[in-house]
Amino acid sequence: MALSTERLGLFNPDKPMENRLTDLGPRHFWQYFPPVIQNNYGKWAYHEILEPGILVHVSETGDKVFTVRCGGCRFMTVEHVREICNIADKHCDGFVRFTTRNNIEFMVDSQDKMQALKKDLESRKHVSGSFKFPIGGTGAGVTNIVHTQGYIHCHTPATDASSMVKAVMDDLFDYFQGMTLPAHVRVSMACCLNMCGAVHCSDIALLGYHRKPPIVDHAVLEKVCEIPLVIAACPTAAISPAKTEDGRKTVKIKDERCMFCGNCYTMCMALPLTDKEGDCVTIMAGGKVSNRISAPKFSKVVVPALPNSFPRYPEVCEATKKIIEAYAASANKYERLGDWAERIGWEKFFEKCDLPFTEHLIDDYRLQYDTYRTSTLFKFTDAAWAVSRAVGGIED
């Protein structure tokens, strides 16, 4: 059935929304704005953080929008989402938004409504007594952790995401509800190095890491997998065709080329990668996306391998808290974690954070030539040099 000329229309640059087919792609964002934001679109003069988790935006017209930010979880039950919608209906005329770091933001147009909303949110608790909608995550503090799927939905994780984020945020909750740090701290978590989280450029990044190549199940591989697809899926060309002793088609893996990404397992279930003893958690630090004060930075590995101690991850929580406490005690105001580490020197960073340092942690990212630490004058501190000698077996 042909579309009518009237429905197709012609694009008018003076009226770009004219004859728009609104059933194609996402619906237009305008309808999701509260009326006060629609009426003041493009007229906002400034904003302030009144207290942790509470913001006010002031328009040139004098109108104000009060935002209450709450920590949310990435995986929500239907009941929890319904409760969020009920709160939005009760206080915000049905409007609510989510931030890119899984925070929930409720917006109202008066201070009285904001106080009533805040009181309602603080009264909602789980059976255990913890807040369902903890208020915070603004300014110079720790905001919500953005993370990947973990054991719930992903088939290649080296660790779990939801449980680790819960455990770490329990330890950092005071920093979430306060603004006592030198600058804001972004913590991210990815359950494998495919990193569908933002761990490559966060102040602190937690990464599940496989350390062993996949196991090849020769008995079933030919029956359940397309071998050319498995070979093509490997980004490092570590997989090649092979045959078993009894003549069945299979594949072989060159272990030294494998980077443990799990792409092959994505294509073929006969190449399982998960390993109870080998899988670990790596901590990186110093990354950021912002270009304020200094250029954006990649995160650097600061703890290469911590035990995968599901479900509370005490070693990961302890190391993360040590980094944040050392940063809070030593950094200048407005200085991001990576800027602080570069100012004092990465060797001193390890010393202040009470983290073991080895020569393997020197920045050697192959494509980041301008940050290579290739000088013979690399300044090992006494503490770092002692650890390096002990680990590497170096004699005086």
Protein backbone atom coordinates (compact mmCIF):
# COMPACT_ATOMS: atom_id res chain seq x y z
CA MET A 1 0.00 0.00 0.00
CA ALA A 2 1.54 3.26 -1.11
CA LEU A 3 1.82 6.16 1.34
CA SER A 4 -0.14 9.25 0.41
CA THR A 5 1.68 12.40 -0.69
CA GLU A 6 0.17 14.18 2.29
CA ARG A 7 1.62 11.58 4.69
CA LEU A 8 5.03 11.56 3.04
CA GLY A 9 5.19 15.35 2.78
CA LEU A 10 8.37 17.28 2.03
CA PHE A 11 10.99 18.39 4.52
CA ASN A 12 10.60 22.05 5.45
CA PRO A 13 13.77 23.37 7.16
CA ASP A 14 11.76 26.24 8.66
CA LYS A 15 9.35 23.74 10.27
CA PRO A 16 11.42 20.60 10.86
CA MET A 17 8.65 18.89 12.86
CA GLU A 18 6.06 19.32 10.09
CA ASN A 19 4.84 15.96 8.67
CA ARG A 20 7.19 14.09 11.00
CA LEU A 21 6.43 10.36 11.24
CA THR A 22 6.45 10.05 15.00
CA ASP A 23 5.95 6.28 14.97
CA LEU A 24 9.49 5.80 13.62
CA GLY A 25 12.33 5.65 16.12
CA PRO A 26 12.11 7.04 19.66
CA ARG A 27 9.34 9.43 20.57
CA HIS A 28 10.28 13.09 20.72
CA PHE A 29 11.90 14.13 23.99
CA TRP A 30 9.76 17.24 24.35
CA GLN A 31 6.74 15.34 25.63
CA TYR A 32 8.76 14.02 28.57
CA PHE A 33 9.63 17.47 29.91
CA PRO A 34 7.61 18.78 32.86
CA PRO A 35 5.64 21.94 31.93
CA VAL A 36 8.00 24.22 33.87
CA ILE A 37 10.95 22.94 31.81
CA GLN A 38 9.04 23.29 28.55
CA ASN A 39 8.12 26.87 29.44
CA ASN A 40 11.72 27.79 30.27
CA TYR A 41 13.55 25.78 27.62
CA GLY A 42 16.82 27.55 26.79
CA LYS A 43 16.32 30.18 29.48
CA TRP A 44 18.11 28.63 32.46
CA ALA A 45 20.44 31.13 34.14
CA TYR A 46 22.22 28.99 36.74
CA HIS A 47 21.88 26.06 39.11
CA GLU A 48 22.97 25.30 42.67
CA ILE A 49 23.33 22.24 44.87
CA LEU A 50 21.30 23.06 47.97
CA GLU A 51 22.41 19.93 49.83
CA PRO A 52 23.65 16.48 48.77
CA GLY A 53 21.14 15.12 46.27
CA ILE A 54 19.07 18.32 46.03
CA LEU A 55 19.54 20.73 43.11
CA VAL A 56 17.74 23.87 42.01
CA HIS A 57 17.79 25.32 38.49
CA VAL A 58 16.77 28.97 38.17
CA SER A 59 15.41 30.45 34.94
CA GLU A 60 15.74 33.96 33.56
CA THR A 61 11.98 34.22 34.13
CA GLY A 62 12.38 33.51 37.85
CA ASP A 63 10.89 30.01 37.63
CA LYS A 64 12.68 27.29 39.56
CA VAL A 65 12.98 23.52 39.19
CA PHE A 66 14.00 21.48 42.23
CA THR A 67 15.55 18.10 41.52
CA VAL A 68 15.85 15.31 44.08
CA ARG A 69 18.40 12.71 43.02
CA CYS A 70 18.23 9.18 44.42
CA GLY A 71 20.51 6.23 43.98
CA GLY A 72 18.96 3.49 41.89
CA CYS A 73 19.95 0.00 40.84
CA ARG A 74 20.53 -1.07 37.27
CA PHE A 75 18.35 -4.17 37.58
CA MET A 76 14.93 -3.36 39.00
CA THR A 77 11.91 -5.48 39.74
CA VAL A 78 8.58 -4.54 38.23
CA GLU A 79 7.33 -3.69 41.73
CA HIS A 80 10.21 -1.26 42.25
CA VAL A 81 9.56 0.49 38.92
CA ARG A 82 5.87 0.76 39.80
CA GLU A 83 6.80 2.36 43.11
CA ILE A 84 8.97 4.90 41.27
CA CYS A 85 6.05 5.68 38.96
CA ASN A 86 3.70 6.06 41.93
CA ILE A 87 6.09 8.56 43.56
CA ALA A 88 6.29 10.50 40.29
CA ASP A 89 2.49 10.53 39.99
CA LYS A 90 2.07 11.65 43.60
CA HIS A 91 4.63 14.48 43.67
CA CYS A 92 5.79 15.28 40.12
CA ASP A 93 2.72 15.08 37.88
CA GLY A 94 4.03 11.79 36.51
CA PHE A 95 7.46 13.05 35.35
CA VAL A 96 10.68 11.22 36.30
CA ARG A 97 14.06 10.72 34.67
CA PHE A 98 17.09 8.44 34.97
CA THR A 99 20.68 9.62 34.72
CA THR A 100 23.39 7.79 32.81
CA ARG A 101 24.71 6.41 36.11
CA ASN A 102 21.41 4.80 37.16
CA ASN A 103 20.34 7.63 39.45
CA ILE A 104 16.64 8.50 39.64
CA GLU A 105 15.70 12.19 39.48
CA PHE A 106 12.33 13.56 40.55
CA MET A 107 11.61 17.18 39.54
CA VAL A 108 9.14 19.61 41.12
CA ASP A 109 8.52 23.35 40.69
CA SER A 110 8.42 24.60 44.30
CA GLN A 111 10.39 24.21 47.51
CA ASP A 112 7.33 23.00 49.44
CA LYS A 113 6.81 20.17 46.96
CA MET A 114 10.52 19.34 47.19
CA GLN A 115 10.39 19.05 50.99
CA ALA A 116 7.31 16.82 50.83
CA LEU A 117 8.99 14.64 48.18
CA LYS A 118 12.20 14.40 50.19
CA LYS A 119 10.30 13.37 53.33
CA ASP A 120 8.40 10.71 51.38
CA LEU A 121 11.58 9.26 49.83
CA GLU A 122 13.39 9.09 53.17
CA SER A 123 10.46 7.21 54.72
CA ARG A 124 10.57 4.38 52.17
CA LYS A 125 12.82 1.57 53.39
CA HIS A 126 13.46 -2.09 52.75
CA VAL A 127 12.58 -4.70 55.34
CA SER A 128 16.25 -4.74 56.37
CA GLY A 129 16.07 -1.01 57.21
CA SER A 130 18.12 0.32 54.29
CA PHE A 131 16.81 3.16 52.11
CA LYS A 132 14.91 2.24 48.97
CA PHE A 133 15.64 5.67 47.51
CA PRO A 134 18.81 7.06 49.14
CA ILE A 135 19.25 10.76 48.36
CA GLY A 136 22.71 11.92 47.25
CA GLY A 137 25.18 11.49 44.42
CA THR A 138 25.77 15.18 43.62
CA GLY A 139 28.79 17.46 43.76
CA ALA A 140 32.11 16.48 45.30
CA GLY A 141 31.14 12.99 46.33
CA VAL A 142 30.70 9.50 44.93
CA THR A 143 27.71 9.16 42.65
CA ASN A 144 26.02 5.91 41.71
CA ILE A 145 28.18 3.18 40.16
CA VAL A 146 27.45 2.46 36.51
CA HIS A 147 27.98 -1.22 35.83
CA THR A 148 27.52 -4.10 33.44
CA GLN A 149 25.25 -7.12 33.55
CA GLY A 150 27.19 -9.67 35.58
CA TYR A 151 25.80 -13.09 36.29
CA ILE A 152 22.17 -12.06 35.74
CA HIS A 153 22.15 -11.53 31.97
CA CYS A 154 25.66 -11.97 30.57
CA HIS A 155 27.28 -15.23 29.47
CA THR A 156 30.96 -14.17 29.68
CA PRO A 157 31.40 -12.44 33.05
CA ALA A 158 34.49 -13.07 35.14
CA THR A 159 32.68 -11.75 38.21
CA ASP A 160 29.27 -10.49 39.23
CA ALA A 161 28.28 -6.86 38.83
CA SER A 162 25.23 -6.27 41.01
CA SER A 163 26.60 -7.90 44.15
CA MET A 164 29.98 -6.15 43.87
CA VAL A 165 28.36 -2.75 43.30
CA LYS A 166 26.10 -3.30 46.31
CA ALA A 167 29.06 -4.29 48.53
CA VAL A 168 31.27 -1.39 47.40
CA MET A 169 28.51 1.22 47.71
CA ASP A 170 27.68 -0.01 51.21
CA ASP A 171 31.25 0.96 52.16
CA LEU A 172 31.11 4.27 50.25
CA PHE A 173 27.60 5.28 51.29
CA ASP A 174 28.77 8.22 53.42
CA TYR A 175 30.56 9.63 50.37
CA PHE A 176 27.36 9.19 48.33
CA GLN A 177 25.29 11.16 50.84
CA GLY A 178 27.97 13.79 51.40
CA MET A 179 30.12 16.18 49.41
CA THR A 180 33.35 15.96 51.40
CA LEU A 181 35.76 14.90 48.63
CA PRO A 182 38.04 17.30 46.70
CA ALA A 183 36.00 16.72 43.52
CA HIS A 184 33.44 14.27 42.26
CA VAL A 185 34.51 10.64 41.96
CA ARG A 186 33.09 8.36 39.28
CA VAL A 187 33.28 4.65 40.07
CA SER A 188 32.47 2.13 37.33
CA MET A 189 32.33 -1.64 37.21
CA ALA A 190 32.59 -4.13 34.35
CA CYS A 191 32.33 -7.87 34.77
CA CYS A 192 34.74 -8.65 31.89
CA LEU A 193 37.19 -6.75 29.72
CA ASN A 194 34.68 -6.33 26.89
CA MET A 195 33.66 -3.45 29.17
CA CYS A 196 30.09 -2.53 28.36
CA GLY A 197 30.62 -0.24 31.39
CA ALA A 198 32.72 2.93 31.50
CA VAL A 199 35.75 1.43 33.21
CA HIS A 200 38.22 2.67 30.62
CA CYS A 201 37.86 6.29 31.76
CA SER A 202 36.62 6.40 35.37
CA ASP A 203 38.26 7.72 38.54
CA ILE A 204 38.08 4.20 39.97
CA ALA A 205 37.22 1.20 37.85
CA LEU A 206 36.51 -2.38 38.92
CA LEU A 207 37.02 -5.02 36.25
CA GLY A 208 36.33 -8.74 36.27
CA TYR A 209 39.20 -10.43 34.46
CA HIS A 210 39.64 -13.89 32.92
CA ARG A 211 43.19 -15.20 33.14
CA LYS A 212 42.94 -18.52 31.32
CA PRO A 213 42.09 -19.27 27.67
CA PRO A 214 38.86 -21.09 26.80
CA ILE A 215 38.55 -24.85 27.12
CA VAL A 216 37.71 -26.54 23.80
CA ASP A 217 35.01 -29.19 24.06
CA HIS A 218 36.09 -31.22 21.04
CA ALA A 219 33.29 -33.77 21.49
CA VAL A 220 30.46 -31.39 20.67
CA LEU A 221 32.05 -28.39 18.96
CA GLU A 222 31.39 -29.58 15.40
CA LYS A 223 27.75 -30.35 16.23
CA VAL A 224 26.78 -27.05 17.87
CA CYS A 225 29.04 -24.43 16.26
CA GLU A 226 29.87 -22.93 12.88
CA ILE A 227 33.64 -23.28 12.88
CA PRO A 228 34.39 -20.44 10.39
CA LEU A 229 32.30 -18.10 12.56
CA VAL A 230 34.23 -19.13 15.69
CA ILE A 231 37.57 -18.50 13.95
CA ALA A 232 36.44 -15.12 12.59
CA ALA A 233 35.16 -14.03 16.02
CA CYS A 234 38.64 -13.96 17.56
CA PRO A 235 40.13 -10.42 17.43
CA THR A 236 43.70 -11.66 17.87
CA ALA A 237 43.61 -14.60 15.40
CA ALA A 238 44.32 -17.04 18.23
CA ILE A 239 41.87 -19.65 16.89
CA SER A 240 42.54 -21.85 13.90
CA PRO A 241 40.90 -24.97 12.43
CA ALA A 242 42.02 -28.40 13.57
CA LYS A 243 40.93 -32.04 13.65
CA THR A 244 40.66 -34.53 16.49
CA GLU A 245 42.45 -37.86 16.43
CA ASP A 246 39.31 -39.57 15.16
CA GLY A 247 38.94 -37.06 12.29
CA ARG A 248 36.25 -34.72 13.63
CA LYS A 249 36.46 -31.03 12.80
CA THR A 250 37.38 -28.76 15.72
CA VAL A 251 39.55 -25.75 16.55
CA LYS A 252 42.79 -25.12 18.41
CA ILE A 253 43.80 -22.07 20.43
CA LYS A 254 47.22 -20.43 20.51
CA ASP A 255 47.33 -19.59 24.22
CA GLU A 256 49.92 -16.82 23.97
CA ARG A 257 47.66 -14.88 21.58
CA CYS A 258 44.47 -15.21 23.62
CA MET A 259 43.35 -12.04 25.41
CA PHE A 260 40.49 -13.79 27.28
CA CYS A 261 37.73 -11.65 25.78
CA GLY A 262 35.13 -14.41 25.40
CA ASN A 263 34.17 -13.55 21.83
CA CYS A 264 34.60 -17.18 20.84
CA TYR A 265 32.24 -18.34 23.58
CA THR A 266 29.70 -15.80 22.36
CA MET A 267 29.77 -17.58 18.99
CA CYS A 268 30.16 -21.13 20.32
CA MET A 269 29.08 -22.62 23.63
CA ALA A 270 31.70 -25.36 23.26
CA LEU A 271 34.44 -22.86 24.23
CA PRO A 272 33.67 -22.03 27.88
CA LEU A 273 35.89 -19.39 29.46
CA THR A 274 34.74 -19.02 33.06
CA ASP A 275 37.19 -20.44 35.60
CA LYS A 276 36.71 -20.46 39.36
CA GLU A 277 40.42 -20.18 40.24
CA GLY A 278 41.64 -18.06 37.33
CA ASP A 279 38.99 -15.34 37.24
CA CYS A 280 39.84 -12.28 39.35
CA VAL A 281 39.07 -8.59 39.86
CA THR A 282 41.37 -5.85 38.60
CA ILE A 283 41.21 -2.27 39.90
CA MET A 284 42.08 0.69 37.68
CA ALA A 285 42.23 4.36 38.61
CA GLY A 286 42.84 7.84 37.28
CA GLY A 287 40.58 7.99 34.25
CA LYS A 288 38.06 10.67 33.34
CA VAL A 289 35.98 11.95 30.43
CA SER A 290 35.93 15.62 31.41
CA ASN A 291 38.41 18.02 29.81
CA ARG A 292 38.20 20.43 32.73
CA ILE A 293 41.64 21.45 34.09
CA SER A 294 43.33 18.63 32.17
CA ALA A 295 42.67 16.46 29.14
CA PRO A 296 40.58 13.26 29.36
CA LYS A 297 42.54 10.27 30.61
CA PHE A 298 42.42 6.49 30.42
CA SER A 299 42.35 4.53 33.65
CA LYS A 300 45.56 2.74 34.68
CA VAL A 301 45.85 -0.62 36.40
CA VAL A 302 46.71 -0.15 40.07
CA VAL A 303 45.74 -3.56 41.49
CA PRO A 304 46.26 -6.38 38.98
CA ALA A 305 44.34 -9.24 40.56
CA LEU A 306 42.13 -9.52 43.64
CA PRO A 307 40.22 -12.65 44.68
CA ASN A 308 36.81 -13.13 43.14
CA SER A 309 35.20 -13.41 46.59
CA PHE A 310 31.50 -13.53 45.73
CA PRO A 311 29.18 -12.13 47.08
CA ARG A 312 30.69 -9.37 49.32
CA TYR A 313 34.19 -8.99 47.79
CA PRO A 314 35.98 -7.76 50.95
CA GLU A 315 39.35 -7.35 49.21
CA VAL A 316 37.86 -5.18 46.44
CA CYS A 317 35.93 -3.05 48.94
CA GLU A 318 39.01 -2.53 51.12
CA ALA A 319 41.25 -1.49 48.20
CA THR A 320 38.61 0.86 46.76
CA LYS A 321 38.07 2.56 50.10
CA LYS A 322 41.82 2.95 50.68
CA ILE A 323 42.20 4.75 47.34
CA ILE A 324 39.31 7.12 48.04
CA GLU A 325 40.45 7.88 51.60
CA ALA A 326 44.03 8.61 50.45
CA TYR A 327 42.67 10.86 47.70
CA ALA A 328 40.37 12.68 50.14
CA ALA A 329 43.24 13.30 52.55
CA SER A 330 45.83 14.50 50.03
CA ALA A 331 44.26 16.02 46.90
CA ASN A 332 43.64 19.72 46.31
CA LYS A 333 40.15 21.11 45.93
CA TYR A 334 38.61 20.46 42.47
CA GLU A 335 41.43 18.02 41.65
CA ARG A 336 40.23 14.76 40.10
CA LEU A 337 41.81 11.51 41.24
CA GLY A 338 43.95 11.11 38.12
CA ASP A 339 45.14 14.72 38.29
CA TRP A 340 46.13 14.18 41.91
CA ALA A 341 48.06 11.00 41.05
CA GLU A 342 49.93 12.74 38.24
CA ARG A 343 50.78 15.73 40.43
CA ILE A 344 52.31 13.64 43.22
CA GLY A 345 53.62 10.95 40.84
CA TRP A 346 52.13 7.54 40.30
CA GLU A 347 54.87 5.92 42.39
CA LYS A 348 53.84 8.10 45.35
CA PHE A 349 50.20 7.28 44.61
CA PHE A 350 50.85 3.61 45.35
CA GLU A 351 52.64 4.51 48.55
CA LYS A 352 49.87 6.81 49.83
CA CYS A 353 47.15 4.29 48.95
CA ASP A 354 49.10 1.47 50.63
CA LEU A 355 49.00 -0.62 47.45
CA PRO A 356 51.80 -2.97 46.32
CA PHE A 357 53.69 -1.74 43.26
CA THR A 358 55.67 -3.71 40.68
CA GLU A 359 57.34 -2.82 37.42
CA HIS A 360 54.45 -4.53 35.62
CA LEU A 361 52.19 -1.62 36.58
CA ILE A 362 54.21 0.96 34.66
CA ASP A 363 52.03 2.50 31.96
CA ASP A 364 52.77 0.61 28.76
CA TYR A 365 49.52 0.89 26.79
CA ARG A 366 50.75 0.17 23.26
CA LEU A 367 48.84 2.97 21.50
CA GLN A 368 49.36 5.66 24.10
CA TYR A 369 52.90 6.58 23.10
CA ASP A 370 52.82 10.04 24.66
CA THR A 371 52.44 8.58 28.16
CA TYR A 372 55.06 5.84 27.91
CA ARG A 373 57.21 5.54 31.00
CA THR A 374 60.30 4.51 29.08
CA SER A 375 62.87 6.76 30.74
CA THR A 376 65.80 5.17 32.54
CA LEU A 377 65.19 7.82 35.20
CA PHE A 378 61.91 6.22 36.29
CA LYS A 379 61.59 7.33 39.90
CA PHE A 380 60.88 4.33 42.09
CA THR A 381 60.13 5.42 45.65
CA ASP A 382 61.85 3.41 48.37
CA ALA A 383 58.64 1.56 49.22
CA ALA A 384 57.82 0.76 45.60
CA TRP A 385 61.39 -0.39 44.89
CA ALA A 386 61.37 -2.71 47.89
CA VAL A 387 58.17 -4.37 46.73
CA SER A 388 59.44 -4.61 43.15
CA ARG A 389 62.64 -6.34 44.30
CA ALA A 390 60.70 -8.77 46.45
CA VAL A 391 58.21 -9.68 43.73
CA GLY A 392 60.68 -9.73 40.84
CA GLY A 393 63.51 -11.42 42.69
CA ILE A 394 65.86 -8.49 42.01
CA GLU A 395 69.04 -8.42 44.10
CA ASP A 396 70.74 -5.29 45.44
